[in-house]
Amino acid sequence: MTVQHDAIDESGAHFAFTDRWGGVSAVPYEELNLGGAVGDDPEAVRTNRAIAARALGLDPAGVVWMNQVHGRDVARVDAPWGDAEIPSPGPGGPGGAPKVDGVVTARRGLALAVLTADCTPVLLADPVAGVVGAAHAGRPGTVAGVVPATVEAMVSLGAEPERIIARTGPAVCGRCYEVPEQMRAEVAEVEPAAWSETSWGTPAVDVTAAVHAQLTALGVKDLRGSRVCTLESRDHYSYRRDRTTGRLAGYVWLEGREEEDREQA
């Protein structure tokens, strides 16, 4: 397994993105599928989540997952959703994970996770305020404003946009995300930076560019994104390429009480 783990040493902020290798899931989810609502064996997903968490030095039971629905709702959390290891469709996951596409916390050491397979995973941290956020920015959620809503929720906890460190992970690029002309126009009307064209000359949408534009407009300055296109990379899951497939995960957390407790144990 290769995990892109970016630790901002001076601030204690951690950002990590997984690829698809190093887990136990069988075809067509091979190998490190972290999504619990895609048809994979739940026990394999639990094992994969434990593998990924431990590779990052996290407690698998201490990661907050979302029941993502391509909306703009954001939840504030202070602890994981009980024993909700595997989200599922319907009114929340097994342990009560709500239907949201953004989550924020002011609890240091609590890791937030977002699942993707072409959508843009957005990880945010204000180390001074001790606040982090994660958002699932697909095309519908980006148009609806899930990223601004997540930043707004962080601000309500004391974060300031100019202090926020933002990282976006592997996602389908604007040269591959083909859409009908009318859809491109509708998305670009909300965020002009989303307008794109495929490498073969047809209408396209660049969700990551739209997300970066939204963050910049909000005052976020420390912003960096992955260069990986999930549709082009066989090391990553892509729904548009494979349809039935697994999910990658992005994680964000701030060093805090949980790390200190482990060191003292």
Protein backbone atom coordinates (compact mmCIF):
# COMPACT_ATOMS: atom_id res chain seq x y z
CA MET A 1 0.00 0.00 0.00
CA THR A 2 1.18 3.48 -0.88
CA VAL A 3 -0.36 6.19 1.30
CA GLN A 4 0.37 9.80 0.39
CA HIS A 5 0.79 11.21 3.91
CA ASP A 6 1.58 14.91 4.17
CA ALA A 7 2.44 15.97 7.72
CA ILE A 8 2.88 19.69 8.32
CA ASP A 9 5.46 19.31 11.07
CA GLU A 10 5.38 22.81 12.47
CA SER A 11 1.61 22.83 12.82
CA GLY A 12 0.72 19.24 13.67
CA ALA A 13 -1.66 18.95 10.70
CA HIS A 14 -1.83 15.63 8.87
CA PHE A 15 -3.32 14.91 5.42
CA ALA A 16 -3.32 11.46 3.82
CA PHE A 17 -4.71 9.86 0.65
CA THR A 18 -4.77 6.13 -0.13
CA ASP A 19 -4.33 4.26 -3.39
CA ARG A 20 -6.01 0.91 -4.14
CA TRP A 21 -3.23 -1.52 -3.16
CA GLY A 22 -2.35 -3.47 -0.02
CA GLY A 23 -5.77 -4.60 1.16
CA VAL A 24 -7.75 -7.84 1.22
CA SER A 25 -10.77 -7.14 -1.04
CA ALA A 26 -11.38 -9.45 -4.00
CA VAL A 27 -12.12 -8.50 -7.62
CA PRO A 28 -13.64 -6.11 -8.65
CA TYR A 29 -12.76 -4.18 -5.47
CA GLU A 30 -9.14 -5.25 -5.27
CA GLU A 31 -7.40 -4.49 -3.00
CA LEU A 32 -7.73 -1.65 -0.47
CA ASN A 33 -11.39 -0.77 -0.88
CA LEU A 34 -12.45 1.49 1.99
CA GLY A 35 -16.06 2.05 0.90
CA GLY A 36 -18.76 0.15 2.73
CA ALA A 37 -21.68 0.85 0.40
CA VAL A 38 -20.34 -0.45 -2.91
CA GLY A 39 -21.15 -4.16 -2.58
CA ASP A 40 -17.87 -5.38 -1.11
CA ASP A 41 -17.66 -7.88 1.78
CA PRO A 42 -18.14 -5.80 4.98
CA GLU A 43 -15.46 -7.77 6.80
CA ALA A 44 -12.97 -7.04 4.04
CA VAL A 45 -13.78 -3.34 4.30
CA ARG A 46 -13.30 -3.40 8.07
CA THR A 47 -9.94 -5.10 7.61
CA ASN A 48 -8.91 -2.61 4.95
CA ARG A 49 -9.86 0.34 7.14
CA ALA A 50 -7.79 -1.11 9.94
CA ILE A 51 -4.81 -1.61 7.61
CA ALA A 52 -4.99 1.98 6.35
CA ALA A 53 -5.51 3.51 9.79
CA ARG A 54 -2.63 1.63 11.37
CA ALA A 55 -0.35 2.60 8.48
CA LEU A 56 -1.07 6.20 9.47
CA GLY A 57 -0.65 5.60 13.18
CA LEU A 58 -4.39 5.97 13.82
CA ASP A 59 -6.81 3.90 15.89
CA PRO A 60 -9.20 2.28 13.36
CA ALA A 61 -12.09 2.77 15.79
CA GLY A 62 -11.30 6.46 16.12
CA VAL A 63 -11.90 7.52 12.50
CA VAL A 64 -15.04 9.46 11.55
CA TRP A 65 -16.70 8.30 8.31
CA MET A 66 -19.64 9.88 6.48
CA ASN A 67 -22.71 8.47 4.77
CA GLN A 68 -22.14 10.52 1.61
CA VAL A 69 -25.05 11.56 -0.61
CA HIS A 70 -23.68 14.27 -2.98
CA GLY A 71 -25.23 17.13 -1.00
CA ARG A 72 -23.99 20.15 0.95
CA ASP A 73 -24.90 19.25 4.54
CA VAL A 74 -22.09 19.35 7.09
CA ALA A 75 -21.95 17.72 10.52
CA ARG A 76 -19.94 18.76 13.57
CA VAL A 77 -18.47 15.80 15.44
CA ASP A 78 -16.66 15.29 18.74
CA ALA A 79 -16.27 11.50 18.51
CA PRO A 80 -16.71 8.66 15.98
CA TRP A 81 -20.26 7.52 15.22
CA GLY A 82 -20.31 4.75 17.80
CA ASP A 83 -19.13 1.53 16.15
CA ALA A 84 -20.16 2.65 12.65
CA GLU A 85 -17.32 0.97 10.79
CA ILE A 86 -19.27 0.58 7.58
CA PRO A 87 -21.67 3.27 6.31
CA SER A 88 -24.71 2.09 4.38
CA PRO A 89 -27.53 3.60 2.34
CA GLY A 90 -30.59 4.79 4.19
CA PRO A 91 -31.02 7.08 7.23
CA GLY A 92 -27.46 6.87 8.52
CA GLY A 93 -25.02 4.02 8.83
CA PRO A 94 -25.13 1.14 11.33
CA GLY A 95 -23.87 3.35 14.16
CA GLY A 96 -25.80 6.45 13.13
CA ALA A 97 -23.46 8.07 10.59
CA PRO A 98 -25.61 10.84 9.09
CA LYS A 99 -26.22 11.67 5.46
CA VAL A 100 -23.67 14.43 5.00
CA ASP A 101 -20.87 15.33 2.61
CA GLY A 102 -18.88 17.46 5.01
CA VAL A 103 -17.69 16.95 8.56
CA VAL A 104 -15.78 19.21 10.97
CA THR A 105 -14.32 18.85 14.45
CA ALA A 106 -12.51 20.92 17.05
CA ARG A 107 -11.14 17.82 18.74
CA ARG A 108 -7.43 17.36 18.20
CA GLY A 109 -6.43 13.81 17.35
CA LEU A 110 -9.82 12.90 15.88
CA ALA A 111 -9.36 11.82 12.25
CA LEU A 112 -11.99 12.68 9.64
CA ALA A 113 -12.29 10.58 6.47
CA VAL A 114 -13.84 11.12 3.05
CA LEU A 115 -14.46 8.43 0.41
CA THR A 116 -14.01 9.01 -3.34
CA ALA A 117 -13.61 7.27 -6.70
CA ASP A 118 -13.41 10.27 -9.10
CA CYS A 119 -14.92 12.99 -6.88
CA THR A 120 -12.55 15.46 -5.23
CA PRO A 121 -11.63 14.76 -1.61
CA VAL A 122 -11.10 18.05 0.26
CA LEU A 123 -9.11 18.12 3.50
CA LEU A 124 -8.88 21.29 5.60
CA ALA A 125 -7.08 22.26 8.82
CA ASP A 126 -6.61 25.38 10.93
CA PRO A 127 -3.94 24.26 13.41
CA VAL A 128 -4.09 27.53 15.38
CA ALA A 129 -7.80 27.11 16.12
CA GLY A 130 -7.47 23.33 16.42
CA VAL A 131 -10.18 22.75 13.81
CA VAL A 132 -10.24 20.35 10.83
CA GLY A 133 -12.75 19.54 8.12
CA ALA A 134 -13.28 17.07 5.31
CA ALA A 135 -15.60 17.37 2.31
CA HIS A 136 -16.78 15.09 -0.48
CA ALA A 137 -16.86 17.35 -3.54
CA GLY A 138 -18.46 15.64 -6.49
CA ARG A 139 -20.01 17.66 -9.27
CA PRO A 140 -23.45 17.98 -7.57
CA GLY A 141 -21.96 18.79 -4.17
CA THR A 142 -19.59 21.36 -5.64
CA VAL A 143 -22.47 23.10 -7.38
CA ALA A 144 -24.52 22.94 -4.16
CA GLY A 145 -21.65 24.49 -2.19
CA VAL A 146 -20.43 21.72 0.10
CA VAL A 147 -16.90 23.18 0.26
CA PRO A 148 -17.99 26.71 1.31
CA ALA A 149 -20.42 25.10 3.77
CA THR A 150 -17.58 23.09 5.30
CA VAL A 151 -15.38 26.16 5.63
CA GLU A 152 -18.30 28.05 7.17
CA ALA A 153 -18.74 25.26 9.73
CA MET A 154 -15.03 25.43 10.56
CA VAL A 155 -15.26 29.20 11.01
CA SER A 156 -18.12 28.69 13.46
CA LEU A 157 -15.65 26.66 15.56
CA GLY A 158 -13.03 29.40 15.52
CA ALA A 159 -11.13 28.75 12.29
CA GLU A 160 -10.03 31.60 10.03
CA PRO A 161 -9.90 31.03 6.24
CA GLU A 162 -6.48 32.67 5.81
CA ARG A 163 -5.03 30.19 8.32
CA ILE A 164 -6.61 27.11 6.76
CA ILE A 165 -4.32 24.58 5.10
CA ALA A 166 -6.17 22.86 2.23
CA ARG A 167 -5.28 19.70 0.35
CA THR A 168 -7.26 18.03 -2.44
CA GLY A 169 -6.56 14.44 -3.46
CA PRO A 170 -6.72 12.19 -6.52
CA ALA A 171 -9.80 12.86 -8.68
CA VAL A 172 -10.91 12.67 -12.30
CA CYS A 173 -9.26 15.56 -14.13
CA GLY A 174 -10.87 18.20 -16.30
CA ARG A 175 -9.38 16.65 -19.42
CA CYS A 176 -11.20 13.35 -18.76
CA TYR A 177 -14.51 14.27 -17.10
CA GLU A 178 -16.75 14.40 -20.16
CA VAL A 179 -20.26 15.80 -19.69
CA PRO A 180 -23.08 17.07 -21.94
CA GLU A 181 -22.70 20.67 -23.09
CA GLN A 182 -25.73 21.82 -21.07
CA MET A 183 -24.32 20.30 -17.88
CA ARG A 184 -20.98 22.02 -18.40
CA ALA A 185 -22.80 25.33 -18.85
CA GLU A 186 -24.86 24.82 -15.69
CA VAL A 187 -21.80 24.00 -13.59
CA ALA A 188 -19.71 26.84 -15.06
CA GLU A 189 -22.55 29.27 -14.32
CA VAL A 190 -22.06 28.51 -10.63
CA GLU A 191 -18.25 28.36 -10.79
CA PRO A 192 -16.59 29.44 -14.06
CA ALA A 193 -13.34 27.65 -13.16
CA ALA A 194 -15.17 24.35 -13.70
CA TRP A 195 -15.42 24.91 -17.48
CA SER A 196 -13.16 22.46 -19.28
CA GLU A 197 -12.69 20.43 -22.43
CA THR A 198 -11.60 16.83 -22.77
CA SER A 199 -8.33 15.92 -24.44
CA TRP A 200 -10.43 14.73 -27.40
CA GLY A 201 -12.28 18.05 -27.73
CA THR A 202 -15.67 17.50 -26.06
CA PRO A 203 -17.34 19.38 -23.15
CA ALA A 204 -15.96 18.59 -19.71
CA VAL A 205 -16.04 19.74 -16.09
CA ASP A 206 -13.02 20.26 -13.83
CA VAL A 207 -14.33 19.73 -10.31
CA THR A 208 -10.96 20.16 -8.62
CA ALA A 209 -10.40 23.50 -10.37
CA ALA A 210 -13.84 24.59 -9.18
CA VAL A 211 -13.06 23.55 -5.61
CA HIS A 212 -9.75 25.42 -5.67
CA ALA A 213 -11.50 28.52 -7.00
CA GLN A 214 -14.11 28.33 -4.24
CA LEU A 215 -11.45 27.99 -1.56
CA THR A 216 -9.42 30.87 -2.98
CA ALA A 217 -12.52 33.08 -3.04
CA LEU A 218 -13.08 32.25 0.62
CA GLY A 219 -9.59 33.46 1.51
CA VAL A 220 -7.76 30.13 1.74
CA LYS A 221 -4.16 30.67 0.64
CA ASP A 222 -2.28 27.48 1.53
CA LEU A 223 -3.82 25.24 -1.12
CA ARG A 224 -2.33 22.27 -2.92
CA GLY A 225 -3.83 19.46 -5.01
CA SER A 226 -2.85 16.03 -6.27
CA ARG A 227 -1.78 15.61 -9.89
CA VAL A 228 -3.31 12.13 -10.09
CA CYS A 229 -6.29 11.63 -12.39
CA THR A 230 -8.22 8.66 -11.06
CA LEU A 231 -9.64 7.73 -14.47
CA GLU A 232 -6.14 7.57 -15.97
CA SER A 233 -4.41 5.88 -13.01
CA ARG A 234 -4.78 2.13 -12.57
CA ASP A 235 -3.42 2.61 -9.05
CA HIS A 236 -6.65 4.35 -8.07
CA TYR A 237 -10.35 3.53 -8.17
CA SER A 238 -12.48 5.24 -10.81
CA TYR A 239 -16.25 4.91 -10.97
CA ARG A 240 -16.40 6.47 -14.43
CA ARG A 241 -13.88 3.94 -15.75
CA ASP A 242 -15.02 0.76 -14.00
CA ARG A 243 -18.49 1.42 -12.53
CA THR A 244 -18.37 -1.44 -10.02
CA THR A 245 -15.27 -0.62 -8.01
CA GLY A 246 -13.90 0.37 -4.63
CA ARG A 247 -13.35 3.68 -2.89
CA LEU A 248 -10.23 5.59 -1.92
CA ALA A 249 -10.03 7.60 1.30
CA GLY A 250 -8.62 10.91 2.40
CA TYR A 251 -7.84 11.52 6.09
CA VAL A 252 -7.20 14.72 8.02
CA TRP A 253 -6.35 15.21 11.67
CA LEU A 254 -4.35 17.36 14.09
CA GLU A 255 -1.92 15.93 16.57
CA GLY A 256 -3.48 16.04 20.00
CA ARG A 257 -4.73 14.14 22.99
CA GLU A 258 -5.03 10.74 21.29
CA GLU A 259 -1.39 10.84 20.17
CA GLU A 260 -0.25 11.94 23.63
CA ASP A 261 -2.25 9.15 25.27
CA ARG A 262 -0.62 6.55 23.02
CA GLU A 263 2.85 7.88 23.80
CA GLN A 264 2.18 7.68 27.54
CA ALA A 265 0.63 4.18 27.39
